[in-house]
Amino acid sequence: MNFEDYRGVWVFIEEKDGAVAPVSLELLGAGKQLADKRKTELAGVIIGDNVRMLAQTAFEFGADKVYIYDDPIYRYYRTETYMRAMLACVEKHKPEILLYGATSTGKDLASAVATDLPTGLTADTTQLDVEEDTGLLLASRPAFGGNIMATILCKKYRPQMATVRPKVMKALPRIKGASGQLIEESIPITEDDIRTKVLEIVRTTIKRVRIDEADIIVAGGKGLGGPAGFQVIHQLAETIGAAVGASRDVVEAGWIEHHHQVGQTGVTVTPKIYFAIGISGAIQHLVGMQNSGLIIAINKDPAAPIFQSSHYGIVGDALTIVPMLTQAFKTALGRKEEVDAGKV
């Protein structure tokens, strides 16, 4: 394998409900930094049916070039159809780095492509960098239960591939009207060649809080002592209109459902304000909330790692401090309502 044949940074552009998935825009931002460092192009790969218009979005968020496979056979995601298209594109144009969002689609496609090429794949990456001279992708992710950060290299194969968790990278500012090179690709493939058939798409609606979309999150950890102590989290969140988050220990203890879990094995969030209450600050939790706009930590241990990642910290008993905060917010918000109503 001649590494000199492989150039460029690619991003798999995932389509969601007729638009580019947010994680793909985030990866274009991260990919642009890698491409600039290697002095090479950033390209997107779009696979789908009637998806040509998505190329413009990719250009406006940093792509220099877009490879597109637009055909009715790609209307629904199927591993075999998307894998064949991606393999053909990789083998023809030879990228040095290929990034996917760590979504159900991205993880499935990336693992299938990596197996067939073959090449390495780093899963659930939270940090990306590249060596400017060698082109080695430095893909980092928490390991050993979130206790350390491991940087994984693929020294012997190309392309170097990684899936990246949503919300950990930042999209570039959109440049309206930006343009780039659109390359239309195709492969000989028919429905008769595909073993899986999509018979029906059934969508169900589950009423559930999406903490990854919340502007304010109040998260609690084992430092609250038990389910009864955790109620102060719910009370504060309800008062200020926030979503409730939790550490892994709390979820595993059964105090709250898993979809509230923030961290490497939970949800990655980027709220404007994040309260970390009774949370020690293990790496596996930090990677899920470290990009929050403002982090406020409350912990009785002054040496808790969470304080190293917070903007403001309060050392003390959360079971005493949080009810005081809740009452103060109630008073302040009640006063505001009176002002807005013209009573004051």
C-alpha atoms as a PDB file:
ATOM      1  CA  MET A   1       0.000   0.000   0.000  1.00  0.00           C
ATOM      2  CA  ASN A   2       1.512   3.288  -1.155  1.00  0.00           C
ATOM      3  CA  PHE A   3       0.425   5.994   1.288  1.00  0.00           C
ATOM      4  CA  GLU A   4       1.386   8.705  -1.223  1.00  0.00           C
ATOM      5  CA  ASP A   5      -1.643   7.682  -3.299  1.00  0.00           C
ATOM      6  CA  TYR A   6      -4.015   8.657  -0.480  1.00  0.00           C
ATOM      7  CA  ARG A   7      -4.880  12.338  -0.097  1.00  0.00           C
ATOM      8  CA  GLY A   8      -7.740  14.365   1.314  1.00  0.00           C
ATOM      9  CA  VAL A   9     -10.102  14.352   4.276  1.00  0.00           C
ATOM     10  CA  TRP A  10     -13.602  12.994   3.692  1.00  0.00           C
ATOM     11  CA  VAL A  11     -16.831  13.207   5.680  1.00  0.00           C
ATOM     12  CA  PHE A  12     -19.804  10.904   5.149  1.00  0.00           C
ATOM     13  CA  ILE A  13     -22.713  13.348   4.821  1.00  0.00           C
ATOM     14  CA  GLU A  14     -25.689  11.694   6.467  1.00  0.00           C
ATOM     15  CA  GLU A  15     -29.176  12.692   5.390  1.00  0.00           C
ATOM     16  CA  LYS A  16     -31.918  13.013   7.999  1.00  0.00           C
ATOM     17  CA  ASP A  17     -35.493  13.936   7.080  1.00  0.00           C
ATOM     18  CA  GLY A  18     -34.396  15.610   3.853  1.00  0.00           C
ATOM     19  CA  ALA A  19     -31.582  17.675   5.389  1.00  0.00           C
ATOM     20  CA  VAL A  20     -27.949  17.165   6.364  1.00  0.00           C
ATOM     21  CA  ALA A  21     -27.725  15.598   9.812  1.00  0.00           C
ATOM     22  CA  PRO A  22     -26.246  18.025  12.395  1.00  0.00           C
ATOM     23  CA  VAL A  23     -23.377  15.665  13.225  1.00  0.00           C
ATOM     24  CA  SER A  24     -22.245  15.791   9.573  1.00  0.00           C
ATOM     25  CA  LEU A  25     -22.027  19.592   9.752  1.00  0.00           C
ATOM     26  CA  GLU A  26     -19.976  19.256  12.934  1.00  0.00           C
ATOM     27  CA  LEU A  27     -17.640  16.801  11.190  1.00  0.00           C
ATOM     28  CA  LEU A  28     -17.165  19.173   8.267  1.00  0.00           C
ATOM     29  CA  GLY A  29     -15.889  21.700  10.815  1.00  0.00           C
ATOM     30  CA  ALA A  30     -13.504  19.184  12.366  1.00  0.00           C
ATOM     31  CA  GLY A  31     -12.506  17.843   8.962  1.00  0.00           C
ATOM     32  CA  LYS A  32     -11.662  21.331   7.719  1.00  0.00           C
ATOM     33  CA  GLN A  33      -9.142  21.754  10.527  1.00  0.00           C
ATOM     34  CA  LEU A  34      -7.504  18.425   9.659  1.00  0.00           C
ATOM     35  CA  ALA A  35      -7.479  19.215   5.935  1.00  0.00           C
ATOM     36  CA  ASP A  36      -5.943  22.658   6.488  1.00  0.00           C
ATOM     37  CA  LYS A  37      -3.240  21.146   8.662  1.00  0.00           C
ATOM     38  CA  ARG A  38      -2.412  18.628   5.923  1.00  0.00           C
ATOM     39  CA  LYS A  39      -2.795  21.283   3.189  1.00  0.00           C
ATOM     40  CA  THR A  40      -5.332  19.160   1.346  1.00  0.00           C
ATOM     41  CA  GLU A  41      -8.993  19.206   0.329  1.00  0.00           C
ATOM     42  CA  LEU A  42     -12.076  18.513   2.425  1.00  0.00           C
ATOM     43  CA  ALA A  43     -14.688  16.412   0.636  1.00  0.00           C
ATOM     44  CA  GLY A  44     -18.122  15.117   1.498  1.00  0.00           C
ATOM     45  CA  VAL A  45     -19.718  11.869   0.341  1.00  0.00           C
ATOM     46  CA  ILE A  46     -23.503  11.913  -0.089  1.00  0.00           C
ATOM     47  CA  ILE A  47     -25.496   8.744  -0.754  1.00  0.00           C
ATOM     48  CA  GLY A  48     -29.262   8.763  -1.169  1.00  0.00           C
ATOM     49  CA  ASP A  49     -32.250   9.374  -3.412  1.00  0.00           C
ATOM     50  CA  ASN A  50     -32.955  12.924  -4.638  1.00  0.00           C
ATOM     51  CA  VAL A  51     -30.182  14.323  -2.430  1.00  0.00           C
ATOM     52  CA  ARG A  52     -28.372  16.557  -4.900  1.00  0.00           C
ATOM     53  CA  MET A  53     -29.534  19.682  -3.025  1.00  0.00           C
ATOM     54  CA  LEU A  54     -27.600  18.550   0.071  1.00  0.00           C
ATOM     55  CA  ALA A  55     -24.322  19.215  -1.727  1.00  0.00           C
ATOM     56  CA  GLN A  56     -24.929  22.964  -1.479  1.00  0.00           C
ATOM     57  CA  THR A  57     -25.269  22.676   2.291  1.00  0.00           C
ATOM     58  CA  ALA A  58     -21.980  20.773   2.434  1.00  0.00           C
ATOM     59  CA  PHE A  59     -20.229  23.521   0.452  1.00  0.00           C
ATOM     60  CA  GLU A  60     -21.657  26.219   2.699  1.00  0.00           C
ATOM     61  CA  PHE A  61     -20.280  24.422   5.758  1.00  0.00           C
ATOM     62  CA  GLY A  62     -16.744  23.982   4.461  1.00  0.00           C
ATOM     63  CA  ALA A  63     -16.550  21.205   1.867  1.00  0.00           C
ATOM     64  CA  ASP A  64     -14.335  21.878  -1.173  1.00  0.00           C
ATOM     65  CA  LYS A  65     -15.686  18.905  -3.076  1.00  0.00           C
ATOM     66  CA  VAL A  66     -18.670  16.547  -2.894  1.00  0.00           C
ATOM     67  CA  TYR A  67     -18.975  13.022  -4.305  1.00  0.00           C
ATOM     68  CA  ILE A  68     -22.617  12.083  -4.750  1.00  0.00           C
ATOM     69  CA  TYR A  69     -24.430   8.803  -5.390  1.00  0.00           C
ATOM     70  CA  ASP A  70     -28.027   9.796  -6.181  1.00  0.00           C
ATOM     71  CA  ASP A  71     -30.309   6.913  -7.133  1.00  0.00           C
ATOM     72  CA  PRO A  72     -33.656   5.467  -5.976  1.00  0.00           C
ATOM     73  CA  ILE A  73     -31.856   2.342  -4.783  1.00  0.00           C
ATOM     74  CA  TYR A  74     -30.377   4.445  -1.976  1.00  0.00           C
ATOM     75  CA  ARG A  75     -33.739   5.822  -0.834  1.00  0.00           C
ATOM     76  CA  TYR A  76     -33.560   3.864   2.429  1.00  0.00           C
ATOM     77  CA  TYR A  77     -30.372   3.087   4.284  1.00  0.00           C
ATOM     78  CA  ARG A  78     -29.283  -0.491   3.791  1.00  0.00           C
ATOM     79  CA  THR A  79     -25.815  -1.619   4.752  1.00  0.00           C
ATOM     80  CA  GLU A  80     -25.157  -3.389   1.474  1.00  0.00           C
ATOM     81  CA  THR A  81     -26.137  -0.588  -0.914  1.00  0.00           C
ATOM     82  CA  TYR A  82     -24.373   2.196   0.988  1.00  0.00           C
ATOM     83  CA  MET A  83     -21.313   0.044   1.624  1.00  0.00           C
ATOM     84  CA  ARG A  84     -20.914  -0.765  -2.063  1.00  0.00           C
ATOM     85  CA  ALA A  85     -21.128   2.905  -3.009  1.00  0.00           C
ATOM     86  CA  MET A  86     -18.659   3.992  -0.327  1.00  0.00           C
ATOM     87  CA  LEU A  87     -16.199   1.220  -1.156  1.00  0.00           C
ATOM     88  CA  ALA A  88     -16.290   2.142  -4.854  1.00  0.00           C
ATOM     89  CA  CYS A  89     -15.670   5.795  -4.046  1.00  0.00           C
ATOM     90  CA  VAL A  90     -12.814   5.067  -1.645  1.00  0.00           C
ATOM     91  CA  GLU A  91     -11.107   2.649  -4.008  1.00  0.00           C
ATOM     92  CA  LYS A  92     -11.389   5.114  -6.891  1.00  0.00           C
ATOM     93  CA  HIS A  93     -10.395   8.372  -5.205  1.00  0.00           C
ATOM     94  CA  LYS A  94      -8.334   7.171  -2.191  1.00  0.00           C
ATOM     95  CA  PRO A  95      -8.897   9.514   0.778  1.00  0.00           C
ATOM     96  CA  GLU A  96      -6.349   9.675   3.580  1.00  0.00           C
ATOM     97  CA  ILE A  97      -8.972  10.184   6.317  1.00  0.00           C
ATOM     98  CA  LEU A  98     -12.674   9.294   6.377  1.00  0.00           C
ATOM     99  CA  LEU A  99     -15.008  10.435   9.179  1.00  0.00           C
ATOM    100  CA  TYR A 100     -18.521   9.289  10.045  1.00  0.00           C
ATOM    101  CA  GLY A 101     -20.996  10.440  12.662  1.00  0.00           C
ATOM    102  CA  ALA A 102     -21.395   7.970  15.531  1.00  0.00           C
ATOM    103  CA  THR A 103     -25.085   7.495  14.731  1.00  0.00           C
ATOM    104  CA  SER A 104     -26.778   4.150  14.127  1.00  0.00           C
ATOM    105  CA  THR A 105     -26.283   4.646  10.374  1.00  0.00           C
ATOM    106  CA  GLY A 106     -22.736   5.981  10.618  1.00  0.00           C
ATOM    107  CA  LYS A 107     -21.507   3.249  12.943  1.00  0.00           C
ATOM    108  CA  ASP A 108     -23.073   0.488  10.880  1.00  0.00           C
ATOM    109  CA  LEU A 109     -21.671   1.797   7.591  1.00  0.00           C
ATOM    110  CA  ALA A 110     -18.208   2.548   8.962  1.00  0.00           C
ATOM    111  CA  SER A 111     -17.766  -0.919  10.452  1.00  0.00           C
ATOM    112  CA  ALA A 112     -18.899  -2.596   7.228  1.00  0.00           C
ATOM    113  CA  VAL A 113     -16.541  -0.491   5.094  1.00  0.00           C
ATOM    114  CA  ALA A 114     -13.610  -0.997   7.478  1.00  0.00           C
ATOM    115  CA  THR A 115     -14.076  -4.770   7.388  1.00  0.00           C
ATOM    116  CA  ASP A 116     -14.204  -4.968   3.606  1.00  0.00           C
ATOM    117  CA  LEU A 117     -11.306  -2.619   2.751  1.00  0.00           C
ATOM    118  CA  PRO A 118      -9.741  -3.636   5.242  1.00  0.00           C
ATOM    119  CA  THR A 119      -8.575  -0.782   7.449  1.00  0.00           C
ATOM    120  CA  GLY A 120      -8.771   0.357  11.055  1.00  0.00           C
ATOM    121  CA  LEU A 121     -11.718   2.140  12.648  1.00  0.00           C
ATOM    122  CA  THR A 122     -11.748   4.131  15.879  1.00  0.00           C
ATOM    123  CA  ALA A 123     -15.267   4.196  17.336  1.00  0.00           C
ATOM    124  CA  ASP A 124     -16.981   6.938  19.365  1.00  0.00           C
ATOM    125  CA  THR A 125     -14.110   9.405  19.054  1.00  0.00           C
ATOM    126  CA  THR A 126     -14.302  12.609  21.081  1.00  0.00           C
ATOM    127  CA  GLN A 127     -11.064  14.330  19.956  1.00  0.00           C
ATOM    128  CA  LEU A 128      -9.379  14.510  16.548  1.00  0.00           C
ATOM    129  CA  ASP A 129      -5.994  15.737  15.405  1.00  0.00           C
ATOM    130  CA  VAL A 130      -3.498  14.880  12.696  1.00  0.00           C
ATOM    131  CA  GLU A 131       0.286  14.842  12.510  1.00  0.00           C
ATOM    132  CA  GLU A 132       1.158  17.478   9.944  1.00  0.00           C
ATOM    133  CA  ASP A 133       4.192  15.671   8.528  1.00  0.00           C
ATOM    134  CA  THR A 134       3.139  12.007   8.620  1.00  0.00           C
ATOM    135  CA  GLY A 135      -0.614  12.395   8.126  1.00  0.00           C
ATOM    136  CA  LEU A 136      -1.354  10.052  11.032  1.00  0.00           C
ATOM    137  CA  LEU A 137      -4.860  10.617  12.398  1.00  0.00           C
ATOM    138  CA  LEU A 138      -4.860  10.975  16.194  1.00  0.00           C
ATOM    139  CA  ALA A 139      -8.308   9.726  17.218  1.00  0.00           C
ATOM    140  CA  SER A 140      -8.894   9.904  20.968  1.00  0.00           C
ATOM    141  CA  ARG A 141     -11.673   8.409  23.066  1.00  0.00           C
ATOM    142  CA  PRO A 142     -12.258   7.445  26.713  1.00  0.00           C
ATOM    143  CA  ALA A 143     -11.156   3.924  27.611  1.00  0.00           C
ATOM    144  CA  PHE A 144     -11.206   1.551  30.586  1.00  0.00           C
ATOM    145  CA  GLY A 145     -14.612   2.682  31.770  1.00  0.00           C
ATOM    146  CA  GLY A 146     -13.867   6.323  31.082  1.00  0.00           C
ATOM    147  CA  ASN A 147     -10.896   6.476  33.437  1.00  0.00           C
ATOM    148  CA  ILE A 148      -8.310   7.398  30.789  1.00  0.00           C
ATOM    149  CA  MET A 149      -8.179   8.917  27.307  1.00  0.00           C
ATOM    150  CA  ALA A 150      -6.715   6.625  24.650  1.00  0.00           C
ATOM    151  CA  THR A 151      -5.314   7.954  21.361  1.00  0.00           C
ATOM    152  CA  ILE A 152      -5.596   5.360  18.614  1.00  0.00           C
ATOM    153  CA  LEU A 153      -3.468   5.312  15.446  1.00  0.00           C
ATOM    154  CA  CYS A 154      -3.803   3.372  12.200  1.00  0.00           C
ATOM    155  CA  LYS A 155      -0.213   3.152  10.975  1.00  0.00           C
ATOM    156  CA  LYS A 156      -0.407   0.400   8.355  1.00  0.00           C
ATOM    157  CA  TYR A 157      -3.599   1.005   6.387  1.00  0.00           C
ATOM    158  CA  ARG A 158      -5.471   3.750   4.539  1.00  0.00           C
ATOM    159  CA  PRO A 159      -7.880   5.377   4.718  1.00  0.00           C
ATOM    160  CA  GLN A 160      -7.810   6.088   8.431  1.00  0.00           C
ATOM    161  CA  MET A 161     -11.392   6.014   9.705  1.00  0.00           C
ATOM    162  CA  ALA A 162     -13.243   7.151  12.803  1.00  0.00           C
ATOM    163  CA  THR A 163     -16.787   7.607  14.015  1.00  0.00           C
ATOM    164  CA  VAL A 164     -17.315  10.776  16.039  1.00  0.00           C
ATOM    165  CA  ARG A 165     -19.971  11.385  18.661  1.00  0.00           C
ATOM    166  CA  PRO A 166     -22.554  14.083  17.944  1.00  0.00           C
ATOM    167  CA  LYS A 167     -22.158  17.388  19.797  1.00  0.00           C
ATOM    168  CA  VAL A 168     -18.427  17.072  20.524  1.00  0.00           C
ATOM    169  CA  MET A 169     -17.223  18.989  17.437  1.00  0.00           C
ATOM    170  CA  LYS A 170     -18.282  22.431  16.272  1.00  0.00           C
ATOM    171  CA  ALA A 171     -19.640  23.272  12.835  1.00  0.00           C
ATOM    172  CA  LEU A 172     -18.099  26.181  10.961  1.00  0.00           C
ATOM    173  CA  PRO A 173     -20.143  29.355  10.424  1.00  0.00           C
ATOM    174  CA  ARG A 174     -22.319  28.926   7.354  1.00  0.00           C
ATOM    175  CA  ILE A 175     -21.169  30.796   4.240  1.00  0.00           C
ATOM    176  CA  LYS A 176     -24.284  31.326   2.139  1.00  0.00           C
ATOM    177  CA  GLY A 177     -23.726  30.810  -1.560  1.00  0.00           C
ATOM    178  CA  ALA A 178     -20.380  29.027  -1.176  1.00  0.00           C
ATOM    179  CA  SER A 179     -19.607  26.643  -4.008  1.00  0.00           C
ATOM    180  CA  GLY A 180     -17.355  23.704  -4.720  1.00  0.00           C
ATOM    181  CA  GLN A 181     -16.762  20.817  -7.120  1.00  0.00           C
ATOM    182  CA  LEU A 182     -19.656  18.372  -7.430  1.00  0.00           C
ATOM    183  CA  ILE A 183     -18.674  14.927  -8.726  1.00  0.00           C
ATOM    184  CA  GLU A 184     -21.545  12.585  -9.649  1.00  0.00           C
ATOM    185  CA  GLU A 185     -20.703   8.922  -9.197  1.00  0.00           C
ATOM    186  CA  SER A 186     -22.580   5.690  -9.871  1.00  0.00           C
ATOM    187  CA  ILE A 187     -22.070   1.946  -9.652  1.00  0.00           C
ATOM    188  CA  PRO A 188     -23.875  -0.884 -11.478  1.00  0.00           C
ATOM    189  CA  ILE A 189     -26.378  -2.090  -8.874  1.00  0.00           C
ATOM    190  CA  THR A 190     -30.021  -3.192  -9.002  1.00  0.00           C
ATOM    191  CA  GLU A 191     -32.568  -4.429  -6.485  1.00  0.00           C
ATOM    192  CA  ASP A 192     -31.907  -7.975  -7.665  1.00  0.00           C
ATOM    193  CA  ASP A 193     -28.331  -7.610  -6.379  1.00  0.00           C
ATOM    194  CA  ILE A 194     -29.454  -6.722  -2.838  1.00  0.00           C
ATOM    195  CA  ARG A 195     -30.471  -9.343  -0.306  1.00  0.00           C
ATOM    196  CA  THR A 196     -32.357  -7.016   2.058  1.00  0.00           C
ATOM    197  CA  LYS A 197     -35.652  -5.376   1.133  1.00  0.00           C
ATOM    198  CA  VAL A 198     -37.407  -2.510   2.895  1.00  0.00           C
ATOM    199  CA  LEU A 199     -41.062  -3.485   3.209  1.00  0.00           C
ATOM    200  CA  GLU A 200     -42.316  -0.684   5.417  1.00  0.00           C
ATOM    201  CA  ILE A 201     -41.042   2.155   7.592  1.00  0.00           C
ATOM    202  CA  VAL A 202     -42.965   2.366  10.870  1.00  0.00           C
ATOM    203  CA  ARG A 203     -42.451   5.518  12.907  1.00  0.00           C
ATOM    204  CA  THR A 204     -43.521   5.566  16.535  1.00  0.00           C
ATOM    205  CA  THR A 205     -43.621   8.568  18.832  1.00  0.00           C
ATOM    206  CA  ILE A 206     -42.342   8.251  22.390  1.00  0.00           C
ATOM    207  CA  LYS A 207     -42.832  11.137  24.772  1.00  0.00           C
ATOM    208  CA  ARG A 208     -39.335  11.620  26.152  1.00  0.00           C
ATOM    209  CA  VAL A 209     -37.179  14.526  27.181  1.00  0.00           C
ATOM    210  CA  ARG A 210     -34.364  15.237  24.693  1.00  0.00           C
ATOM    211  CA  ILE A 211     -31.636  16.508  26.998  1.00  0.00           C
ATOM    212  CA  ASP A 212     -29.295  16.960  24.029  1.00  0.00           C
ATOM    213  CA  GLU A 213     -31.601  19.756  22.837  1.00  0.00           C
ATOM    214  CA  ALA A 214     -31.968  21.532  26.210  1.00  0.00           C
ATOM    215  CA  ASP A 215     -30.586  25.025  26.845  1.00  0.00           C
ATOM    216  CA  ILE A 216     -30.247  24.375  30.582  1.00  0.00           C
ATOM    217  CA  ILE A 217     -29.479  21.053  32.260  1.00  0.00           C
ATOM    218  CA  VAL A 218     -29.419  20.272  35.970  1.00  0.00           C
ATOM    219  CA  ALA A 219     -27.478  17.023  36.426  1.00  0.00           C
ATOM    220  CA  GLY A 220     -27.003  15.037  39.609  1.00  0.00           C
ATOM    221  CA  GLY A 221     -24.579  12.364  40.757  1.00  0.00           C
ATOM    222  CA  LYS A 222     -24.029   9.833  43.533  1.00  0.00           C
ATOM    223  CA  GLY A 223     -22.960  12.656  45.838  1.00  0.00           C
ATOM    224  CA  LEU A 224     -26.668  13.269  46.465  1.00  0.00           C
ATOM    225  CA  GLY A 225     -26.790  10.099  48.533  1.00  0.00           C
ATOM    226  CA  GLY A 226     -29.855   8.347  47.145  1.00  0.00           C
ATOM    227  CA  PRO A 227     -33.148   8.662  45.247  1.00  0.00           C
ATOM    228  CA  ALA A 228     -34.598  10.924  47.936  1.00  0.00           C
ATOM    229  CA  GLY A 229     -31.641  13.289  47.736  1.00  0.00           C
ATOM    230  CA  PHE A 230     -31.873  13.291  43.944  1.00  0.00           C
ATOM    231  CA  GLN A 231     -35.284  14.951  44.221  1.00  0.00           C
ATOM    232  CA  VAL A 232     -33.558  18.316  44.781  1.00  0.00           C
ATOM    233  CA  ILE A 233     -32.348  18.012  41.146  1.00  0.00           C
ATOM    234  CA  HIS A 234     -35.908  17.648  39.887  1.00  0.00           C
ATOM    235  CA  GLN A 235     -37.076  20.569  42.020  1.00  0.00           C
ATOM    236  CA  LEU A 236     -34.375  22.947  40.785  1.00  0.00           C
ATOM    237  CA  ALA A 237     -34.871  21.851  37.168  1.00  0.00           C
ATOM    238  CA  GLU A 238     -38.628  22.404  37.366  1.00  0.00           C
ATOM    239  CA  THR A 239     -38.147  25.855  38.885  1.00  0.00           C
ATOM    240  CA  ILE A 240     -35.843  27.158  36.160  1.00  0.00           C
ATOM    241  CA  GLY A 241     -37.308  25.217  33.225  1.00  0.00           C
ATOM    242  CA  ALA A 242     -34.320  22.921  32.791  1.00  0.00           C
ATOM    243  CA  ALA A 243     -33.893  19.306  31.690  1.00  0.00           C
ATOM    244  CA  VAL A 244     -32.657  16.730  34.195  1.00  0.00           C
ATOM    245  CA  GLY A 245     -29.351  14.952  33.590  1.00  0.00           C
ATOM    246  CA  ALA A 246     -27.490  12.307  35.548  1.00  0.00           C
ATOM    247  CA  SER A 247     -24.150  10.588  35.894  1.00  0.00           C
ATOM    248  CA  ARG A 248     -23.654   6.940  34.973  1.00  0.00           C
ATOM    249  CA  ASP A 249     -23.529   5.820  38.621  1.00  0.00           C
ATOM    250  CA  VAL A 250     -26.960   7.320  39.265  1.00  0.00           C
ATOM    251  CA  VAL A 251     -28.495   5.593  36.245  1.00  0.00           C
ATOM    252  CA  GLU A 252     -26.912   2.245  37.120  1.00  0.00           C
ATOM    253  CA  ALA A 253     -28.254   2.601  40.655  1.00  0.00           C
ATOM    254  CA  GLY A 254     -31.761   2.936  39.236  1.00  0.00           C
ATOM    255  CA  TRP A 255     -32.461   6.467  40.468  1.00  0.00           C
ATOM    256  CA  ILE A 256     -33.451   7.672  36.975  1.00  0.00           C
ATOM    257  CA  GLU A 257     -33.905   6.335  33.428  1.00  0.00           C
ATOM    258  CA  HIS A 258     -30.963   5.854  31.060  1.00  0.00           C
ATOM    259  CA  HIS A 259     -32.025   8.539  28.574  1.00  0.00           C
ATOM    260  CA  HIS A 260     -31.070  11.136  31.213  1.00  0.00           C
ATOM    261  CA  GLN A 261     -27.460   9.890  31.356  1.00  0.00           C
ATOM    262  CA  VAL A 262     -24.766  12.325  30.234  1.00  0.00           C
ATOM    263  CA  GLY A 263     -21.350  11.028  29.193  1.00  0.00           C
ATOM    264  CA  GLN A 264     -19.488   8.576  27.016  1.00  0.00           C
ATOM    265  CA  THR A 265     -22.064   5.820  27.489  1.00  0.00           C
ATOM    266  CA  GLY A 266     -24.964   8.255  27.545  1.00  0.00           C
ATOM    267  CA  VAL A 267     -25.754  11.477  25.701  1.00  0.00           C
ATOM    268  CA  THR A 268     -23.367  14.245  24.667  1.00  0.00           C
ATOM    269  CA  VAL A 269     -24.846  17.662  25.457  1.00  0.00           C
ATOM    270  CA  THR A 270     -23.923  21.302  24.768  1.00  0.00           C
ATOM    271  CA  PRO A 271     -26.403  23.419  26.749  1.00  0.00           C
ATOM    272  CA  LYS A 272     -25.946  27.109  27.495  1.00  0.00           C
ATOM    273  CA  ILE A 273     -25.859  26.291  31.228  1.00  0.00           C
ATOM    274  CA  TYR A 274     -24.927  22.975  32.886  1.00  0.00           C
ATOM    275  CA  PHE A 275     -25.286  22.376  36.619  1.00  0.00           C
ATOM    276  CA  ALA A 276     -23.115  19.457  37.806  1.00  0.00           C
ATOM    277  CA  ILE A 277     -24.353  18.663  41.299  1.00  0.00           C
ATOM    278  CA  GLY A 278     -22.817  15.912  43.390  1.00  0.00           C
ATOM    279  CA  ILE A 279     -20.850  14.751  40.331  1.00  0.00           C
ATOM    280  CA  SER A 280     -17.161  13.998  40.856  1.00  0.00           C
ATOM    281  CA  GLY A 281     -16.107  14.612  37.246  1.00  0.00           C
ATOM    282  CA  ALA A 282     -14.894  11.297  35.828  1.00  0.00           C
ATOM    283  CA  ILE A 283     -13.554  11.502  32.264  1.00  0.00           C
ATOM    284  CA  GLN A 284     -16.459   9.482  30.906  1.00  0.00           C
ATOM    285  CA  HIS A 285     -18.863  12.142  32.209  1.00  0.00           C
ATOM    286  CA  LEU A 286     -16.752  15.149  31.223  1.00  0.00           C
ATOM    287  CA  VAL A 287     -16.570  14.154  27.558  1.00  0.00           C
ATOM    288  CA  GLY A 288     -20.345  14.347  27.436  1.00  0.00           C
ATOM    289  CA  MET A 289     -20.716  17.920  28.726  1.00  0.00           C
ATOM    290  CA  GLN A 290     -17.364  19.720  28.533  1.00  0.00           C
ATOM    291  CA  ASN A 291     -18.467  21.898  25.610  1.00  0.00           C
ATOM    292  CA  SER A 292     -21.346  23.448  27.576  1.00  0.00           C
ATOM    293  CA  GLY A 293     -21.474  27.227  27.496  1.00  0.00           C
ATOM    294  CA  LEU A 294     -21.367  27.685  31.296  1.00  0.00           C
ATOM    295  CA  ILE A 295     -20.624  24.919  33.797  1.00  0.00           C
ATOM    296  CA  ILE A 296     -21.562  25.356  37.471  1.00  0.00           C
ATOM    297  CA  ALA A 297     -20.366  22.640  39.864  1.00  0.00           C
ATOM    298  CA  ILE A 298     -21.514  21.910  43.405  1.00  0.00           C
ATOM    299  CA  ASN A 299     -19.588  19.304  45.382  1.00  0.00           C
ATOM    300  CA  LYS A 300     -18.519  18.893  48.998  1.00  0.00           C
ATOM    301  CA  ASP A 301     -15.088  17.629  47.922  1.00  0.00           C
ATOM    302  CA  PRO A 302     -12.863  20.627  47.041  1.00  0.00           C
ATOM    303  CA  ALA A 303     -10.508  18.301  45.151  1.00  0.00           C
ATOM    304  CA  ALA A 304     -13.249  16.882  42.893  1.00  0.00           C
ATOM    305  CA  PRO A 305     -12.062  16.876  39.236  1.00  0.00           C
ATOM    306  CA  ILE A 306     -15.320  18.523  38.133  1.00  0.00           C
ATOM    307  CA  PHE A 307     -14.041  21.856  39.456  1.00  0.00           C
ATOM    308  CA  GLN A 308     -11.180  21.765  36.922  1.00  0.00           C
ATOM    309  CA  SER A 309     -13.740  21.826  34.102  1.00  0.00           C
ATOM    310  CA  SER A 310     -16.238  24.273  35.601  1.00  0.00           C
ATOM    311  CA  HIS A 311     -16.564  28.035  35.219  1.00  0.00           C
ATOM    312  CA  TYR A 312     -18.027  28.442  38.706  1.00  0.00           C
ATOM    313  CA  GLY A 313     -17.819  26.107  41.673  1.00  0.00           C
ATOM    314  CA  ILE A 314     -19.435  25.866  45.088  1.00  0.00           C
ATOM    315  CA  VAL A 315     -17.845  23.654  47.738  1.00  0.00           C
ATOM    316  CA  GLY A 316     -20.441  22.371  50.175  1.00  0.00           C
ATOM    317  CA  ASP A 317     -23.300  19.983  50.825  1.00  0.00           C
ATOM    318  CA  ALA A 318     -25.544  19.921  47.752  1.00  0.00           C
ATOM    319  CA  LEU A 319     -28.529  18.882  49.869  1.00  0.00           C
ATOM    320  CA  THR A 320     -28.233  22.201  51.701  1.00  0.00           C
ATOM    321  CA  ILE A 321     -27.131  24.433  48.823  1.00  0.00           C
ATOM    322  CA  VAL A 322     -29.505  23.289  46.076  1.00  0.00           C
ATOM    323  CA  PRO A 323     -32.752  23.954  48.018  1.00  0.00           C
ATOM    324  CA  MET A 324     -31.409  27.432  48.800  1.00  0.00           C
ATOM    325  CA  LEU A 325     -30.723  27.990  45.095  1.00  0.00           C
ATOM    326  CA  THR A 326     -34.178  26.716  44.197  1.00  0.00           C
ATOM    327  CA  GLN A 327     -35.830  29.108  46.622  1.00  0.00           C
ATOM    328  CA  ALA A 328     -33.714  32.019  45.393  1.00  0.00           C
ATOM    329  CA  PHE A 329     -34.716  31.276  41.793  1.00  0.00           C
ATOM    330  CA  LYS A 330     -38.382  31.021  42.777  1.00  0.00           C
ATOM    331  CA  THR A 331     -38.173  34.416  44.465  1.00  0.00           C
ATOM    332  CA  ALA A 332     -36.335  36.026  41.550  1.00  0.00           C
ATOM    333  CA  LEU A 333     -38.621  34.512  38.921  1.00  0.00           C
ATOM    334  CA  GLY A 334     -41.715  35.451  40.946  1.00  0.00           C
ATOM    335  CA  ARG A 335     -40.465  39.013  41.154  1.00  0.00           C
ATOM    336  CA  LYS A 336     -39.908  39.059  37.375  1.00  0.00           C
ATOM    337  CA  GLU A 337     -43.445  37.806  36.752  1.00  0.00           C
ATOM    338  CA  GLU A 338     -44.816  40.621  38.893  1.00  0.00           C
ATOM    339  CA  VAL A 339     -42.778  43.186  36.964  1.00  0.00           C
ATOM    340  CA  ASP A 340     -43.878  41.737  33.617  1.00  0.00           C
ATOM    341  CA  ALA A 341     -47.474  41.839  34.782  1.00  0.00           C
ATOM    342  CA  GLY A 342     -47.151  45.514  35.802  1.00  0.00           C
ATOM    343  CA  LYS A 343     -47.793  44.815  39.475  1.00  0.00           C
ATOM    344  CA  VAL A 344     -44.516  46.456  40.544  1.00  0.00           C
END
